[in-house]
């Protein structure tokens, strides 16, 4: 019988894999950004499961923040400083 930790690992890993596949295959940039955010948050969840919370926080702050910023400047180019 599998332990609760192994079940959590497989569920989060399947979520990360699904979000990664959807981020690559979708044609809309907003949906791709949302799927990428889901994948990165899932990776942070795995870091929490491994008990390295600092890396999980850095993962969320740096990569998720960068993704939101990149989406903002790609989707709203007319609001950029001229």
C-alpha atoms as a PDB file:
ATOM      1  CA  UNK A   1       0.000   0.000   0.000  1.00  0.00           C
ATOM      2  CA  UNK A   2       1.279   3.471  -0.879  1.00  0.00           C
ATOM      3  CA  UNK A   3       1.899   6.020   1.824  1.00  0.00           C
ATOM      4  CA  UNK A   4       0.137   9.349   1.983  1.00  0.00           C
ATOM      5  CA  UNK A   5       3.364  11.131   0.975  1.00  0.00           C
ATOM      6  CA  UNK A   6       3.689   9.018  -2.174  1.00  0.00           C
ATOM      7  CA  UNK A   7       0.069   9.698  -3.125  1.00  0.00           C
ATOM      8  CA  UNK A   8       0.629  13.445  -2.622  1.00  0.00           C
ATOM      9  CA  UNK A   9       3.778  13.284  -4.750  1.00  0.00           C
ATOM     10  CA  UNK A  10       2.012  11.535  -7.641  1.00  0.00           C
ATOM     11  CA  UNK A  11      -0.964  13.889  -7.550  1.00  0.00           C
ATOM     12  CA  UNK A  12       1.201  17.021  -7.553  1.00  0.00           C
ATOM     13  CA  UNK A  13       3.492  15.558 -10.243  1.00  0.00           C
ATOM     14  CA  UNK A  14       0.506  14.771 -12.472  1.00  0.00           C
ATOM     15  CA  UNK A  15      -0.789  18.319 -11.924  1.00  0.00           C
ATOM     16  CA  UNK A  16       2.594  19.815 -12.879  1.00  0.00           C
ATOM     17  CA  UNK A  17       2.807  17.627 -15.976  1.00  0.00           C
ATOM     18  CA  UNK A  18      -0.735  18.497 -17.055  1.00  0.00           C
ATOM     19  CA  UNK A  19      -0.186  22.224 -16.571  1.00  0.00           C
ATOM     20  CA  UNK A  20       3.098  22.056 -18.507  1.00  0.00           C
ATOM     21  CA  UNK A  21       1.494  20.256 -21.440  1.00  0.00           C
ATOM     22  CA  UNK A  22      -1.421  22.700 -21.491  1.00  0.00           C
ATOM     23  CA  UNK A  23       0.954  25.697 -21.328  1.00  0.00           C
ATOM     24  CA  UNK A  24       2.818  24.462 -24.390  1.00  0.00           C
ATOM     25  CA  UNK A  25      -0.148  23.360 -26.487  1.00  0.00           C
ATOM     26  CA  UNK A  26      -2.614  26.225 -25.988  1.00  0.00           C
ATOM     27  CA  UNK A  27      -2.786  28.978 -28.574  1.00  0.00           C
ATOM     28  CA  UNK A  28      -3.934  31.806 -26.284  1.00  0.00           C
ATOM     29  CA  UNK A  29      -1.211  33.671 -24.410  1.00  0.00           C
ATOM     30  CA  UNK A  30      -3.342  34.395 -21.334  1.00  0.00           C
ATOM     31  CA  UNK A  31      -4.244  30.734 -20.864  1.00  0.00           C
ATOM     32  CA  UNK A  32      -0.639  29.728 -21.437  1.00  0.00           C
ATOM     33  CA  UNK A  33       0.484  32.148 -18.722  1.00  0.00           C
ATOM     34  CA  UNK A  34      -2.137  30.797 -16.298  1.00  0.00           C
ATOM     35  CA  UNK A  35      -1.091  27.195 -16.998  1.00  0.00           C
ATOM     36  CA  UNK A  36       2.555  28.136 -16.479  1.00  0.00           C
ATOM     37  CA  UNK A  37       1.635  29.752 -13.167  1.00  0.00           C
ATOM     38  CA  UNK A  38      -0.135  26.546 -12.140  1.00  0.00           C
ATOM     39  CA  UNK A  39       2.913  24.500 -13.041  1.00  0.00           C
ATOM     40  CA  UNK A  40       5.259  26.765 -11.081  1.00  0.00           C
ATOM     41  CA  UNK A  41       2.977  26.751  -8.042  1.00  0.00           C
ATOM     42  CA  UNK A  42       2.848  22.958  -8.248  1.00  0.00           C
ATOM     43  CA  UNK A  43       6.643  22.849  -8.227  1.00  0.00           C
ATOM     44  CA  UNK A  44       6.593  25.079  -5.150  1.00  0.00           C
ATOM     45  CA  UNK A  45       4.189  22.571  -3.588  1.00  0.00           C
ATOM     46  CA  UNK A  46       6.719  19.809  -4.184  1.00  0.00           C
ATOM     47  CA  UNK A  47       9.382  21.935  -2.517  1.00  0.00           C
ATOM     48  CA  UNK A  48       7.114  22.331   0.511  1.00  0.00           C
ATOM     49  CA  UNK A  49       6.596  18.573   0.551  1.00  0.00           C
ATOM     50  CA  UNK A  50      10.396  18.159   0.600  1.00  0.00           C
ATOM     51  CA  UNK A  51      10.500  20.586   3.554  1.00  0.00           C
ATOM     52  CA  UNK A  52      12.528  23.290   1.817  1.00  0.00           C
ATOM     53  CA  UNK A  53      10.067  26.123   2.307  1.00  0.00           C
ATOM     54  CA  UNK A  54      12.592  28.871   1.519  1.00  0.00           C
ATOM     55  CA  UNK A  55      13.081  27.510  -2.003  1.00  0.00           C
ATOM     56  CA  UNK A  56       9.299  27.250  -2.389  1.00  0.00           C
ATOM     57  CA  UNK A  57       8.882  30.907  -1.442  1.00  0.00           C
ATOM     58  CA  UNK A  58      11.701  31.940  -3.781  1.00  0.00           C
ATOM     59  CA  UNK A  59      10.065  29.869  -6.538  1.00  0.00           C
ATOM     60  CA  UNK A  60       6.786  31.695  -6.108  1.00  0.00           C
ATOM     61  CA  UNK A  61       8.197  35.201  -5.656  1.00  0.00           C
ATOM     62  CA  UNK A  62      10.782  35.089  -8.445  1.00  0.00           C
ATOM     63  CA  UNK A  63       9.295  32.907 -11.160  1.00  0.00           C
ATOM     64  CA  UNK A  64       5.594  33.544 -10.670  1.00  0.00           C
ATOM     65  CA  UNK A  65       6.264  37.276 -10.322  1.00  0.00           C
ATOM     66  CA  UNK A  66       8.374  37.249 -13.476  1.00  0.00           C
ATOM     67  CA  UNK A  67       5.663  35.410 -15.366  1.00  0.00           C
ATOM     68  CA  UNK A  68       3.003  37.924 -14.331  1.00  0.00           C
ATOM     69  CA  UNK A  69       5.273  40.824 -15.265  1.00  0.00           C
ATOM     70  CA  UNK A  70       6.116  39.314 -18.637  1.00  0.00           C
ATOM     71  CA  UNK A  71       2.460  38.710 -19.379  1.00  0.00           C
ATOM     72  CA  UNK A  72       1.601  42.291 -18.450  1.00  0.00           C
ATOM     73  CA  UNK A  73       4.150  43.766 -20.849  1.00  0.00           C
ATOM     74  CA  UNK A  74       3.306  41.306 -23.633  1.00  0.00           C
ATOM     75  CA  UNK A  75      -0.439  41.723 -23.355  1.00  0.00           C
ATOM     76  CA  UNK A  76      -0.587  45.461 -22.700  1.00  0.00           C
ATOM     77  CA  UNK A  77       2.138  47.021 -24.866  1.00  0.00           C
ATOM     78  CA  UNK A  78       0.282  50.322 -25.091  1.00  0.00           C
ATOM     79  CA  UNK A  79       0.782  50.913 -21.358  1.00  0.00           C
ATOM     80  CA  UNK A  80       4.590  50.731 -21.560  1.00  0.00           C
ATOM     81  CA  UNK A  81       6.571  53.843 -20.723  1.00  0.00           C
ATOM     82  CA  UNK A  82       7.417  55.797 -23.859  1.00  0.00           C
END
